[in-house]
Amino acid sequence: MSTIKHHHIRFRNAPAAGGVNDWTASLRTCKGITNISIDTEKNDLFAEYDLKICKEEDVERCMLDIGFVLEDSVMERIKRGWIHFTEENEQSEFKHKGASCCDISEIEEKRKRD
């Protein structure tokens, strides 16, 4: 499984101060980000990052810190939530050296005890 992730993050508003080069430089200082591209015409940020170091949620937090306002449509919130959920599970798998997030035998044993 590759640890490099590629995601597009939609934003509603870009920061009032600075420009694309400034924002890109600020975001590149966030740990784990390997590539950033910002399209202000489409309100789209492309982020490439190493999941062993950071998650999309961390990229979003960095965006908010420099003044971006994330797109808050229902579909975008669902998409981001799903990505947060799956990346949390993937990081958990890294920590447990490939063990799946749901051990069926463990769940069955717990159900028998309850």
PDB file of N, CA and C in Angstrom:
ATOM      1  N   MET A   1       0.850  -1.178   0.000  1.00  0.00           N
ATOM      2  CA  MET A   1       0.000   0.000   0.000  1.00  0.00           C
ATOM      3  C   MET A   1       0.894   1.240   0.000  1.00  0.00           C
ATOM      4  N   SER A   2       0.624   2.143  -0.908  1.00  0.00           N
ATOM      5  CA  SER A   2       1.389   3.384  -0.985  1.00  0.00           C
ATOM      6  C   SER A   2       0.989   4.326   0.143  1.00  0.00           C
ATOM      7  N   THR A   3       1.963   5.033   0.656  1.00  0.00           N
ATOM      8  CA  THR A   3       1.662   5.999   1.713  1.00  0.00           C
ATOM      9  C   THR A   3       1.525   7.415   1.158  1.00  0.00           C
ATOM     10  N   ILE A   4       1.764   7.584  -0.135  1.00  0.00           N
ATOM     11  CA  ILE A   4       1.612   8.908  -0.753  1.00  0.00           C
ATOM     12  C   ILE A   4       0.160   9.067  -1.200  1.00  0.00           C
ATOM     13  N   LYS A   5      -0.474  10.138  -0.731  1.00  0.00           N
ATOM     14  CA  LYS A   5      -1.871  10.424  -1.057  1.00  0.00           C
ATOM     15  C   LYS A   5      -1.953  11.653  -1.948  1.00  0.00           C
ATOM     16  N   HIS A   6      -2.962  11.663  -2.807  1.00  0.00           N
ATOM     17  CA  HIS A   6      -3.228  12.781  -3.714  1.00  0.00           C
ATOM     18  C   HIS A   6      -4.697  13.153  -3.570  1.00  0.00           C
ATOM     19  N   HIS A   7      -4.967  14.368  -3.143  1.00  0.00           N
ATOM     20  CA  HIS A   7      -6.357  14.786  -2.995  1.00  0.00           C
ATOM     21  C   HIS A   7      -6.552  16.222  -3.451  1.00  0.00           C
ATOM     22  N   HIS A   8      -7.752  16.469  -3.948  1.00  0.00           N
ATOM     23  CA  HIS A   8      -8.188  17.817  -4.274  1.00  0.00           C
ATOM     24  C   HIS A   8      -9.082  18.282  -3.140  1.00  0.00           C
ATOM     25  N   ILE A   9      -8.790  19.459  -2.637  1.00  0.00           N
ATOM     26  CA  ILE A   9      -9.573  20.036  -1.554  1.00  0.00           C
ATOM     27  C   ILE A   9     -10.200  21.316  -2.080  1.00  0.00           C
ATOM     28  N   ARG A  10     -11.511  21.336  -2.087  1.00  0.00           N
ATOM     29  CA  ARG A  10     -12.235  22.512  -2.589  1.00  0.00           C
ATOM     30  C   ARG A  10     -12.316  23.561  -1.492  1.00  0.00           C
ATOM     31  N   PHE A  11     -12.117  24.820  -1.879  1.00  0.00           N
ATOM     32  CA  PHE A  11     -12.273  25.905  -0.926  1.00  0.00           C
ATOM     33  C   PHE A  11     -13.248  26.936  -1.477  1.00  0.00           C
ATOM     34  N   ARG A  12     -13.908  27.628  -0.562  1.00  0.00           N
ATOM     35  CA  ARG A  12     -14.876  28.651  -0.957  1.00  0.00           C
ATOM     36  C   ARG A  12     -14.167  29.976  -1.196  1.00  0.00           C
ATOM     37  N   ASN A  13     -13.246  30.322  -0.286  1.00  0.00           N
ATOM     38  CA  ASN A  13     -12.508  31.585  -0.397  1.00  0.00           C
ATOM     39  C   ASN A  13     -11.036  31.353  -0.114  1.00  0.00           C
ATOM     40  N   ALA A  14     -10.214  32.051  -0.905  1.00  0.00           N
ATOM     41  CA  ALA A  14      -8.770  32.051  -0.664  1.00  0.00           C
ATOM     42  C   ALA A  14      -8.465  33.132   0.373  1.00  0.00           C
ATOM     43  N   PRO A  15      -7.286  33.084   0.984  1.00  0.00           N
ATOM     44  CA  PRO A  15      -6.930  34.114   1.961  1.00  0.00           C
ATOM     45  C   PRO A  15      -6.957  35.507   1.334  1.00  0.00           C
ATOM     46  N   ALA A  16      -7.318  36.499   2.133  1.00  0.00           N
ATOM     47  CA  ALA A  16      -7.379  37.883   1.647  1.00  0.00           C
ATOM     48  C   ALA A  16      -5.977  38.432   1.395  1.00  0.00           C
ATOM     49  N   ALA A  17      -5.020  38.010   2.187  1.00  0.00           N
ATOM     50  CA  ALA A  17      -3.652  38.523   2.060  1.00  0.00           C
ATOM     51  C   ALA A  17      -2.779  37.550   1.277  1.00  0.00           C
ATOM     52  N   GLY A  18      -1.789  38.103   0.594  1.00  0.00           N
ATOM     53  CA  GLY A  18      -0.824  37.277  -0.133  1.00  0.00           C
ATOM     54  C   GLY A  18      -1.349  36.828  -1.482  1.00  0.00           C
ATOM     55  N   GLY A  19      -0.636  35.904  -2.057  1.00  0.00           N
ATOM     56  CA  GLY A  19      -1.003  35.356  -3.356  1.00  0.00           C
ATOM     57  C   GLY A  19      -0.673  33.877  -3.417  1.00  0.00           C
ATOM     58  N   VAL A  20      -0.869  33.275  -4.562  1.00  0.00           N
ATOM     59  CA  VAL A  20      -0.687  31.832  -4.725  1.00  0.00           C
ATOM     60  C   VAL A  20       0.706  31.388  -4.292  1.00  0.00           C
ATOM     61  N   ASN A  21       1.734  32.153  -4.670  1.00  0.00           N
ATOM     62  CA  ASN A  21       3.102  31.759  -4.291  1.00  0.00           C
ATOM     63  C   ASN A  21       3.290  31.791  -2.775  1.00  0.00           C
ATOM     64  N   ASP A  22       2.744  32.808  -2.114  1.00  0.00           N
ATOM     65  CA  ASP A  22       2.840  32.900  -0.653  1.00  0.00           C
ATOM     66  C   ASP A  22       2.105  31.747   0.018  1.00  0.00           C
ATOM     67  N   TRP A  23       0.892  31.466  -0.456  1.00  0.00           N
ATOM     68  CA  TRP A  23       0.085  30.395   0.138  1.00  0.00           C
ATOM     69  C   TRP A  23       0.755  29.041  -0.055  1.00  0.00           C
ATOM     70  N   THR A  24       1.277  28.830  -1.252  1.00  0.00           N
ATOM     71  CA  THR A  24       1.965  27.573  -1.545  1.00  0.00           C
ATOM     72  C   THR A  24       3.170  27.401  -0.626  1.00  0.00           C
ATOM     73  N   ALA A  25       3.960  28.458  -0.475  1.00  0.00           N
ATOM     74  CA  ALA A  25       5.140  28.402   0.400  1.00  0.00           C
ATOM     75  C   ALA A  25       4.725  28.114   1.840  1.00  0.00           C
ATOM     76  N   SER A  26       3.660  28.736   2.312  1.00  0.00           N
ATOM     77  CA  SER A  26       3.187  28.493   3.683  1.00  0.00           C
ATOM     78  C   SER A  26       2.737  27.051   3.862  1.00  0.00           C
ATOM     79  N   LEU A  27       2.012  26.526   2.886  1.00  0.00           N
ATOM     80  CA  LEU A  27       1.517  25.154   3.001  1.00  0.00           C
ATOM     81  C   LEU A  27       2.638  24.127   2.907  1.00  0.00           C
ATOM     82  N   ARG A  28       3.676  24.434   2.154  1.00  0.00           N
ATOM     83  CA  ARG A  28       4.808  23.498   2.039  1.00  0.00           C
ATOM     84  C   ARG A  28       5.560  23.340   3.356  1.00  0.00           C
ATOM     85  N   THR A  29       5.365  24.277   4.290  1.00  0.00           N
ATOM     86  CA  THR A  29       6.028  24.159   5.591  1.00  0.00           C
ATOM     87  C   THR A  29       5.310  23.162   6.501  1.00  0.00           C
ATOM     88  N   CYS A  30       4.101  22.785   6.139  1.00  0.00           N
ATOM     89  CA  CYS A  30       3.367  21.792   6.934  1.00  0.00           C
ATOM     90  C   CYS A  30       4.029  20.433   6.749  1.00  0.00           C
ATOM     91  N   LYS A  31       4.311  19.786   7.840  1.00  0.00           N
ATOM     92  CA  LYS A  31       5.030  18.515   7.829  1.00  0.00           C
ATOM     93  C   LYS A  31       4.266  17.448   7.046  1.00  0.00           C
ATOM     94  N   GLY A  32       4.960  16.790   6.118  1.00  0.00           N
ATOM     95  CA  GLY A  32       4.388  15.678   5.371  1.00  0.00           C
ATOM     96  C   GLY A  32       3.926  16.027   3.965  1.00  0.00           C
ATOM     97  N   ILE A  33       3.690  17.315   3.705  1.00  0.00           N
ATOM     98  CA  ILE A  33       3.226  17.729   2.380  1.00  0.00           C
ATOM     99  C   ILE A  33       4.401  17.698   1.411  1.00  0.00           C
ATOM    100  N   THR A  34       4.212  17.013   0.283  1.00  0.00           N
ATOM    101  CA  THR A  34       5.282  16.905  -0.706  1.00  0.00           C
ATOM    102  C   THR A  34       5.033  17.749  -1.944  1.00  0.00           C
ATOM    103  N   ASN A  35       3.773  18.085  -2.209  1.00  0.00           N
ATOM    104  CA  ASN A  35       3.456  18.898  -3.381  1.00  0.00           C
ATOM    105  C   ASN A  35       2.134  19.623  -3.156  1.00  0.00           C
ATOM    106  N   ILE A  36       2.069  20.859  -3.604  1.00  0.00           N
ATOM    107  CA  ILE A  36       0.858  21.681  -3.482  1.00  0.00           C
ATOM    108  C   ILE A  36       0.663  22.428  -4.790  1.00  0.00           C
ATOM    109  N   SER A  37      -0.569  22.492  -5.236  1.00  0.00           N
ATOM    110  CA  SER A  37      -0.926  23.291  -6.410  1.00  0.00           C
ATOM    111  C   SER A  37      -2.275  23.937  -6.116  1.00  0.00           C
ATOM    112  N   ILE A  38      -2.365  25.252  -6.342  1.00  0.00           N
ATOM    113  CA  ILE A  38      -3.589  25.986  -6.032  1.00  0.00           C
ATOM    114  C   ILE A  38      -4.145  26.601  -7.303  1.00  0.00           C
ATOM    115  N   ASP A  39      -5.418  26.324  -7.577  1.00  0.00           N
ATOM    116  CA  ASP A  39      -6.117  26.897  -8.723  1.00  0.00           C
ATOM    117  C   ASP A  39      -7.216  27.823  -8.192  1.00  0.00           C
ATOM    118  N   THR A  40      -6.962  29.124  -8.211  1.00  0.00           N
ATOM    119  CA  THR A  40      -7.923  30.082  -7.657  1.00  0.00           C
ATOM    120  C   THR A  40      -9.147  30.264  -8.544  1.00  0.00           C
ATOM    121  N   GLU A  41      -9.042  29.928  -9.822  1.00  0.00           N
ATOM    122  CA  GLU A  41     -10.204  30.044 -10.704  1.00  0.00           C
ATOM    123  C   GLU A  41     -11.222  28.945 -10.428  1.00  0.00           C
ATOM    124  N   LYS A  42     -10.747  27.775 -10.063  1.00  0.00           N
ATOM    125  CA  LYS A  42     -11.635  26.642  -9.774  1.00  0.00           C
ATOM    126  C   LYS A  42     -11.833  26.436  -8.275  1.00  0.00           C
ATOM    127  N   ASN A  43     -11.176  27.267  -7.446  1.00  0.00           N
ATOM    128  CA  ASN A  43     -11.225  27.109  -5.985  1.00  0.00           C
ATOM    129  C   ASN A  43     -10.866  25.688  -5.580  1.00  0.00           C
ATOM    130  N   ASP A  44      -9.723  25.245  -6.073  1.00  0.00           N
ATOM    131  CA  ASP A  44      -9.283  23.874  -5.886  1.00  0.00           C
ATOM    132  C   ASP A  44      -7.816  23.856  -5.468  1.00  0.00           C
ATOM    133  N   LEU A  45      -7.518  23.079  -4.459  1.00  0.00           N
ATOM    134  CA  LEU A  45      -6.135  22.897  -4.025  1.00  0.00           C
ATOM    135  C   LEU A  45      -5.799  21.426  -4.176  1.00  0.00           C
ATOM    136  N   PHE A  46      -4.730  21.133  -4.885  1.00  0.00           N
ATOM    137  CA  PHE A  46      -4.249  19.769  -5.031  1.00  0.00           C
ATOM    138  C   PHE A  46      -3.137  19.570  -4.015  1.00  0.00           C
ATOM    139  N   ALA A  47      -3.267  18.546  -3.193  1.00  0.00           N
ATOM    140  CA  ALA A  47      -2.248  18.259  -2.188  1.00  0.00           C
ATOM    141  C   ALA A  47      -1.740  16.833  -2.346  1.00  0.00           C
ATOM    142  N   GLU A  48      -0.437  16.698  -2.270  1.00  0.00           N
ATOM    143  CA  GLU A  48       0.205  15.395  -2.244  1.00  0.00           C
ATOM    144  C   GLU A  48       0.959  15.335  -0.919  1.00  0.00           C
ATOM    145  N   TYR A  49       0.764  14.248  -0.177  1.00  0.00           N
ATOM    146  CA  TYR A  49       1.375  14.161   1.147  1.00  0.00           C
ATOM    147  C   TYR A  49       1.606  12.710   1.523  1.00  0.00           C
ATOM    148  N   ASP A  50       2.479  12.533   2.493  1.00  0.00           N
ATOM    149  CA  ASP A  50       2.811  11.196   2.981  1.00  0.00           C
ATOM    150  C   ASP A  50       1.919  10.883   4.176  1.00  0.00           C
ATOM    151  N   LEU A  51       1.081   9.874   4.034  1.00  0.00           N
ATOM    152  CA  LEU A  51       0.123   9.505   5.072  1.00  0.00           C
ATOM    153  C   LEU A  51       0.801   9.035   6.358  1.00  0.00           C
ATOM    154  N   LYS A  52       2.037   8.601   6.274  1.00  0.00           N
ATOM    155  CA  LYS A  52       2.735   8.209   7.494  1.00  0.00           C
ATOM    156  C   LYS A  52       3.077   9.433   8.341  1.00  0.00           C
ATOM    157  N   ILE A  53       3.047  10.617   7.735  1.00  0.00           N
ATOM    158  CA  ILE A  53       3.424  11.840   8.445  1.00  0.00           C
ATOM    159  C   ILE A  53       2.224  12.734   8.721  1.00  0.00           C
ATOM    160  N   CYS A  54       1.297  12.823   7.769  1.00  0.00           N
ATOM    161  CA  CYS A  54       0.126  13.684   7.967  1.00  0.00           C
ATOM    162  C   CYS A  54      -1.084  13.109   7.240  1.00  0.00           C
ATOM    163  N   LYS A  55      -2.238  13.717   7.495  1.00  0.00           N
ATOM    164  CA  LYS A  55      -3.501  13.310   6.864  1.00  0.00           C
ATOM    165  C   LYS A  55      -4.094  14.529   6.157  1.00  0.00           C
ATOM    166  N   GLU A  56      -5.129  14.279   5.354  1.00  0.00           N
ATOM    167  CA  GLU A  56      -5.804  15.405   4.696  1.00  0.00           C
ATOM    168  C   GLU A  56      -6.318  16.396   5.734  1.00  0.00           C
ATOM    169  N   GLU A  57      -6.761  15.888   6.854  1.00  0.00           N
ATOM    170  CA  GLU A  57      -7.262  16.755   7.921  1.00  0.00           C
ATOM    171  C   GLU A  57      -6.184  17.752   8.371  1.00  0.00           C
ATOM    172  N   ASP A  58      -4.920  17.320   8.398  1.00  0.00           N
ATOM    173  CA  ASP A  58      -3.814  18.212   8.750  1.00  0.00           C
ATOM    174  C   ASP A  58      -3.603  19.268   7.674  1.00  0.00           C
ATOM    175  N   VAL A  59      -3.727  18.863   6.415  1.00  0.00           N
ATOM    176  CA  VAL A  59      -3.596  19.817   5.304  1.00  0.00           C
ATOM    177  C   VAL A  59      -4.701  20.861   5.408  1.00  0.00           C
ATOM    178  N   GLU A  60      -5.919  20.410   5.681  1.00  0.00           N
ATOM    179  CA  GLU A  60      -7.046  21.331   5.825  1.00  0.00           C
ATOM    180  C   GLU A  60      -6.808  22.310   6.971  1.00  0.00           C
ATOM    181  N   ARG A  61      -6.275  21.814   8.082  1.00  0.00           N
ATOM    182  CA  ARG A  61      -5.988  22.673   9.229  1.00  0.00           C
ATOM    183  C   ARG A  61      -4.957  23.745   8.842  1.00  0.00           C
ATOM    184  N   CYS A  62      -3.937  23.362   8.086  1.00  0.00           N
ATOM    185  CA  CYS A  62      -2.936  24.322   7.609  1.00  0.00           C
ATOM    186  C   CYS A  62      -3.586  25.354   6.690  1.00  0.00           C
ATOM    187  N   MET A  63      -4.505  24.890   5.841  1.00  0.00           N
ATOM    188  CA  MET A  63      -5.220  25.818   4.953  1.00  0.00           C
ATOM    189  C   MET A  63      -6.000  26.841   5.770  1.00  0.00           C
ATOM    190  N   LEU A  64      -6.713  26.368   6.781  1.00  0.00           N
ATOM    191  CA  LEU A  64      -7.503  27.261   7.629  1.00  0.00           C
ATOM    192  C   LEU A  64      -6.599  28.248   8.361  1.00  0.00           C
ATOM    193  N   ASP A  65      -5.446  27.782   8.808  1.00  0.00           N
ATOM    194  CA  ASP A  65      -4.512  28.639   9.543  1.00  0.00           C
ATOM    195  C   ASP A  65      -4.018  29.817   8.711  1.00  0.00           C
ATOM    196  N   ILE A  66      -3.885  29.616   7.394  1.00  0.00           N
ATOM    197  CA  ILE A  66      -3.397  30.741   6.578  1.00  0.00           C
ATOM    198  C   ILE A  66      -4.530  31.557   5.959  1.00  0.00           C
ATOM    199  N   GLY A  67      -5.779  31.145   6.217  1.00  0.00           N
ATOM    200  CA  GLY A  67      -6.902  31.984   5.803  1.00  0.00           C
ATOM    201  C   GLY A  67      -7.853  31.432   4.766  1.00  0.00           C
ATOM    202  N   PHE A  68      -7.659  30.197   4.332  1.00  0.00           N
ATOM    203  CA  PHE A  68      -8.610  29.601   3.393  1.00  0.00           C
ATOM    204  C   PHE A  68      -9.922  29.313   4.116  1.00  0.00           C
ATOM    205  N   VAL A  69     -11.012  29.388   3.380  1.00  0.00           N
ATOM    206  CA  VAL A  69     -12.320  28.968   3.875  1.00  0.00           C
ATOM    207  C   VAL A  69     -12.709  27.763   3.026  1.00  0.00           C
ATOM    208  N   LEU A  70     -12.871  26.612   3.670  1.00  0.00           N
ATOM    209  CA  LEU A  70     -13.184  25.386   2.934  1.00  0.00           C
ATOM    210  C   LEU A  70     -14.605  25.428   2.396  1.00  0.00           C
ATOM    211  N   GLU A  71     -14.805  24.785   1.257  1.00  0.00           N
ATOM    212  CA  GLU A  71     -16.146  24.624   0.683  1.00  0.00           C
ATOM    213  C   GLU A  71     -16.962  23.816   1.684  1.00  0.00           C
ATOM    214  N   ASP A  72     -18.180  24.275   1.975  1.00  0.00           N
ATOM    215  CA  ASP A  72     -18.955  23.585   2.998  1.00  0.00           C
ATOM    216  C   ASP A  72     -20.259  22.989   2.485  1.00  0.00           C
ATOM    217  N   SER A  73     -20.304  22.680   1.192  1.00  0.00           N
ATOM    218  CA  SER A  73     -21.488  22.007   0.668  1.00  0.00           C
ATOM    219  C   SER A  73     -21.582  20.619   1.295  1.00  0.00           C
ATOM    220  N   VAL A  74     -22.761  20.062   1.274  1.00  0.00           N
ATOM    221  CA  VAL A  74     -22.971  18.740   1.863  1.00  0.00           C
ATOM    222  C   VAL A  74     -22.047  17.707   1.229  1.00  0.00           C
ATOM    223  N   MET A  75     -21.952  17.724  -0.081  1.00  0.00           N
ATOM    224  CA  MET A  75     -21.112  16.727  -0.765  1.00  0.00           C
ATOM    225  C   MET A  75     -19.643  16.865  -0.374  1.00  0.00           C
ATOM    226  N   GLU A  76     -19.148  18.082  -0.273  1.00  0.00           N
ATOM    227  CA  GLU A  76     -17.748  18.286   0.107  1.00  0.00           C
ATOM    228  C   GLU A  76     -17.501  17.853   1.550  1.00  0.00           C
ATOM    229  N   ARG A  77     -18.433  18.133   2.440  1.00  0.00           N
ATOM    230  CA  ARG A  77     -18.270  17.715   3.840  1.00  0.00           C
ATOM    231  C   ARG A  77     -18.289  16.193   3.946  1.00  0.00           C
ATOM    232  N   ILE A  78     -19.167  15.538   3.181  1.00  0.00           N
ATOM    233  CA  ILE A  78     -19.218  14.065   3.182  1.00  0.00           C
ATOM    234  C   ILE A  78     -17.905  13.504   2.634  1.00  0.00           C
ATOM    235  N   LYS A  79     -17.440  14.070   1.529  1.00  0.00           N
ATOM    236  CA  LYS A  79     -16.196  13.604   0.914  1.00  0.00           C
ATOM    237  C   LYS A  79     -15.034  13.743   1.896  1.00  0.00           C
ATOM    238  N   ARG A  80     -14.902  14.904   2.516  1.00  0.00           N
ATOM    239  CA  ARG A  80     -13.808  15.111   3.472  1.00  0.00           C
ATOM    240  C   ARG A  80     -13.948  14.171   4.670  1.00  0.00           C
ATOM    241  N   GLY A  81     -15.168  13.995   5.161  1.00  0.00           N
ATOM    242  CA  GLY A  81     -15.385  13.086   6.285  1.00  0.00           C
ATOM    243  C   GLY A  81     -14.981  11.661   5.957  1.00  0.00           C
ATOM    244  N   TRP A  82     -15.323  11.213   4.761  1.00  0.00           N
ATOM    245  CA  TRP A  82     -14.965   9.856   4.347  1.00  0.00           C
ATOM    246  C   TRP A  82     -13.447   9.706   4.251  1.00  0.00           C
ATOM    247  N   ILE A  83     -12.793  10.718   3.681  1.00  0.00           N
ATOM    248  CA  ILE A  83     -11.332  10.669   3.566  1.00  0.00           C
ATOM    249  C   ILE A  83     -10.702  10.653   4.958  1.00  0.00           C
ATOM    250  N   HIS A  84     -11.212  11.480   5.877  1.00  0.00           N
ATOM    251  CA  HIS A  84     -10.684  11.494   7.248  1.00  0.00           C
ATOM    252  C   HIS A  84     -10.815  10.108   7.879  1.00  0.00           C
ATOM    253  N   PHE A  85     -11.981   9.496   7.715  1.00  0.00           N
ATOM    254  CA  PHE A  85     -12.248   8.173   8.284  1.00  0.00           C
ATOM    255  C   PHE A  85     -11.292   7.122   7.721  1.00  0.00           C
ATOM    256  N   THR A  86     -11.167   7.081   6.395  1.00  0.00           N
ATOM    257  CA  THR A  86     -10.334   6.042   5.779  1.00  0.00           C
ATOM    258  C   THR A  86      -8.859   6.256   6.102  1.00  0.00           C
ATOM    259  N   GLU A  87      -8.418   7.516   6.130  1.00  0.00           N
ATOM    260  CA  GLU A  87      -7.011   7.763   6.438  1.00  0.00           C
ATOM    261  C   GLU A  87      -6.689   7.421   7.894  1.00  0.00           C
ATOM    262  N   GLU A  88      -7.621   7.657   8.776  1.00  0.00           N
ATOM    263  CA  GLU A  88      -7.436   7.279  10.182  1.00  0.00           C
ATOM    264  C   GLU A  88      -7.254   5.764  10.283  1.00  0.00           C
ATOM    265  N   ASN A  89      -8.057   5.010   9.531  1.00  0.00           N
ATOM    266  CA  ASN A  89      -7.933   3.546   9.522  1.00  0.00           C
ATOM    267  C   ASN A  89      -6.612   3.096   8.905  1.00  0.00           C
ATOM    268  N   GLU A  90      -6.204   3.745   7.819  1.00  0.00           N
ATOM    269  CA  GLU A  90      -4.937   3.380   7.184  1.00  0.00           C
ATOM    270  C   GLU A  90      -3.767   3.643   8.124  1.00  0.00           C
ATOM    271  N   GLN A  91      -3.793   4.785   8.812  1.00  0.00           N
ATOM    272  CA  GLN A  91      -2.716   5.081   9.760  1.00  0.00           C
ATOM    273  C   GLN A  91      -2.710   4.058  10.899  1.00  0.00           C
ATOM    274  N   SER A  92      -3.882   3.635  11.320  1.00  0.00           N
ATOM    275  CA  SER A  92      -3.972   2.621  12.357  1.00  0.00           C
ATOM    276  C   SER A  92      -3.343   1.311  11.876  1.00  0.00           C
ATOM    277  N   GLU A  93      -3.556   0.964  10.626  1.00  0.00           N
ATOM    278  CA  GLU A  93      -2.954  -0.241  10.062  1.00  0.00           C
ATOM    279  C   GLU A  93      -1.434  -0.140  10.053  1.00  0.00           C
ATOM    280  N   PHE A  94      -0.898   1.057   9.746  1.00  0.00           N
ATOM    281  CA  PHE A  94       0.554   1.244   9.771  1.00  0.00           C
ATOM    282  C   PHE A  94       1.084   0.967  11.173  1.00  0.00           C
ATOM    283  N   LYS A  95       0.377   1.476  12.176  1.00  0.00           N
ATOM    284  CA  LYS A  95       0.812   1.314  13.564  1.00  0.00           C
ATOM    285  C   LYS A  95       0.745  -0.137  14.011  1.00  0.00           C
ATOM    286  N   HIS A  96      -0.223  -0.872  13.466  1.00  0.00           N
ATOM    287  CA  HIS A  96      -0.396  -2.269  13.859  1.00  0.00           C
ATOM    288  C   HIS A  96       0.206  -3.229  12.845  1.00  0.00           C
ATOM    289  N   LYS A  97       1.085  -2.708  12.018  1.00  0.00           N
ATOM    290  CA  LYS A  97       1.847  -3.504  11.048  1.00  0.00           C
ATOM    291  C   LYS A  97       0.979  -4.379  10.155  1.00  0.00           C
ATOM    292  N   GLY A  98      -0.015  -3.741   9.533  1.00  0.00           N
ATOM    293  CA  GLY A  98      -0.818  -4.428   8.541  1.00  0.00           C
ATOM    294  C   GLY A  98      -2.033  -5.157   9.063  1.00  0.00           C
ATOM    295  N   ALA A  99      -2.213  -5.198  10.370  1.00  0.00           N
ATOM    296  CA  ALA A  99      -3.411  -5.852  10.896  1.00  0.00           C
ATOM    297  C   ALA A  99      -4.628  -5.028  10.506  1.00  0.00           C
ATOM    298  N   SER A 100      -5.690  -5.702  10.150  1.00  0.00           N
ATOM    299  CA  SER A 100      -6.872  -4.951   9.720  1.00  0.00           C
ATOM    300  C   SER A 100      -7.502  -4.231  10.900  1.00  0.00           C
ATOM    301  N   CYS A 101      -8.268  -3.202  10.595  1.00  0.00           N
ATOM    302  CA  CYS A 101      -8.881  -2.390  11.652  1.00  0.00           C
ATOM    303  C   CYS A 101      -9.985  -3.154  12.368  1.00  0.00           C
ATOM    304  N   CYS A 102     -10.516  -4.169  11.750  1.00  0.00           N
ATOM    305  CA  CYS A 102     -11.621  -4.928  12.350  1.00  0.00           C
ATOM    306  C   CYS A 102     -11.250  -6.400  12.405  1.00  0.00           C
ATOM    307  N   ASP A 103     -10.864  -6.858  13.556  1.00  0.00           N
ATOM    308  CA  ASP A 103     -10.524  -8.262  13.754  1.00  0.00           C
ATOM    309  C   ASP A 103     -11.813  -9.002  14.090  1.00  0.00           C
ATOM    310  N   ILE A 104     -12.342  -9.744  13.130  1.00  0.00           N
ATOM    311  CA  ILE A 104     -13.621 -10.419  13.286  1.00  0.00           C
ATOM    312  C   ILE A 104     -13.612 -11.367  14.473  1.00  0.00           C
ATOM    313  N   SER A 105     -12.545 -12.118  14.665  1.00  0.00           N
ATOM    314  CA  SER A 105     -12.512 -13.050  15.792  1.00  0.00           C
ATOM    315  C   SER A 105     -12.560 -12.304  17.118  1.00  0.00           C
ATOM    316  N   GLU A 106     -11.899 -11.174  17.195  1.00  0.00           N
ATOM    317  CA  GLU A 106     -11.948 -10.356  18.412  1.00  0.00           C
ATOM    318  C   GLU A 106     -13.359  -9.827  18.660  1.00  0.00           C
ATOM    319  N   ILE A 107     -14.037  -9.411  17.608  1.00  0.00           N
ATOM    320  CA  ILE A 107     -15.410  -8.909  17.726  1.00  0.00           C
ATOM    321  C   ILE A 107     -16.331 -10.028  18.194  1.00  0.00           C
ATOM    322  N   GLU A 108     -16.186 -11.228  17.618  1.00  0.00           N
ATOM    323  CA  GLU A 108     -17.014 -12.368  18.005  1.00  0.00           C
ATOM    324  C   GLU A 108     -16.785 -12.748  19.466  1.00  0.00           C
ATOM    325  N   GLU A 109     -15.540 -12.747  19.891  1.00  0.00           N
ATOM    326  CA  GLU A 109     -15.219 -13.065  21.294  1.00  0.00           C
ATOM    327  C   GLU A 109     -15.867 -12.039  22.235  1.00  0.00           C
ATOM    328  N   LYS A 110     -15.785 -10.792  21.885  1.00  0.00           N
ATOM    329  CA  LYS A 110     -16.367  -9.749  22.724  1.00  0.00           C
ATOM    330  C   LYS A 110     -17.887  -9.903  22.799  1.00  0.00           C
ATOM    331  N   ARG A 111     -18.497 -10.237  21.668  1.00  0.00           N
ATOM    332  CA  ARG A 111     -19.950 -10.417  21.642  1.00  0.00           C
ATOM    333  C   ARG A 111     -20.375 -11.589  22.524  1.00  0.00           C
ATOM    334  N   LYS A 112     -19.597 -12.647  22.536  1.00  0.00           N
ATOM    335  CA  LYS A 112     -19.895 -13.818  23.383  1.00  0.00           C
ATOM    336  C   LYS A 112     -19.814 -13.454  24.865  1.00  0.00           C
ATOM    337  N   ARG A 113     -18.844 -12.597  25.214  1.00  0.00           N
ATOM    338  CA  ARG A 113     -18.675 -12.199  26.622  1.00  0.00           C
ATOM    339  C   ARG A 113     -19.797 -11.272  27.069  1.00  0.00           C
ATOM    340  N   ASP A 114     -20.323 -10.467  26.174  1.00  0.00           N
ATOM    341  CA  ASP A 114     -21.368  -9.483  26.528  1.00  0.00           C
ATOM    342  C   ASP A 114     -22.695 -10.091  26.551  1.00  0.00           C
TER     343      ASP A 114
END
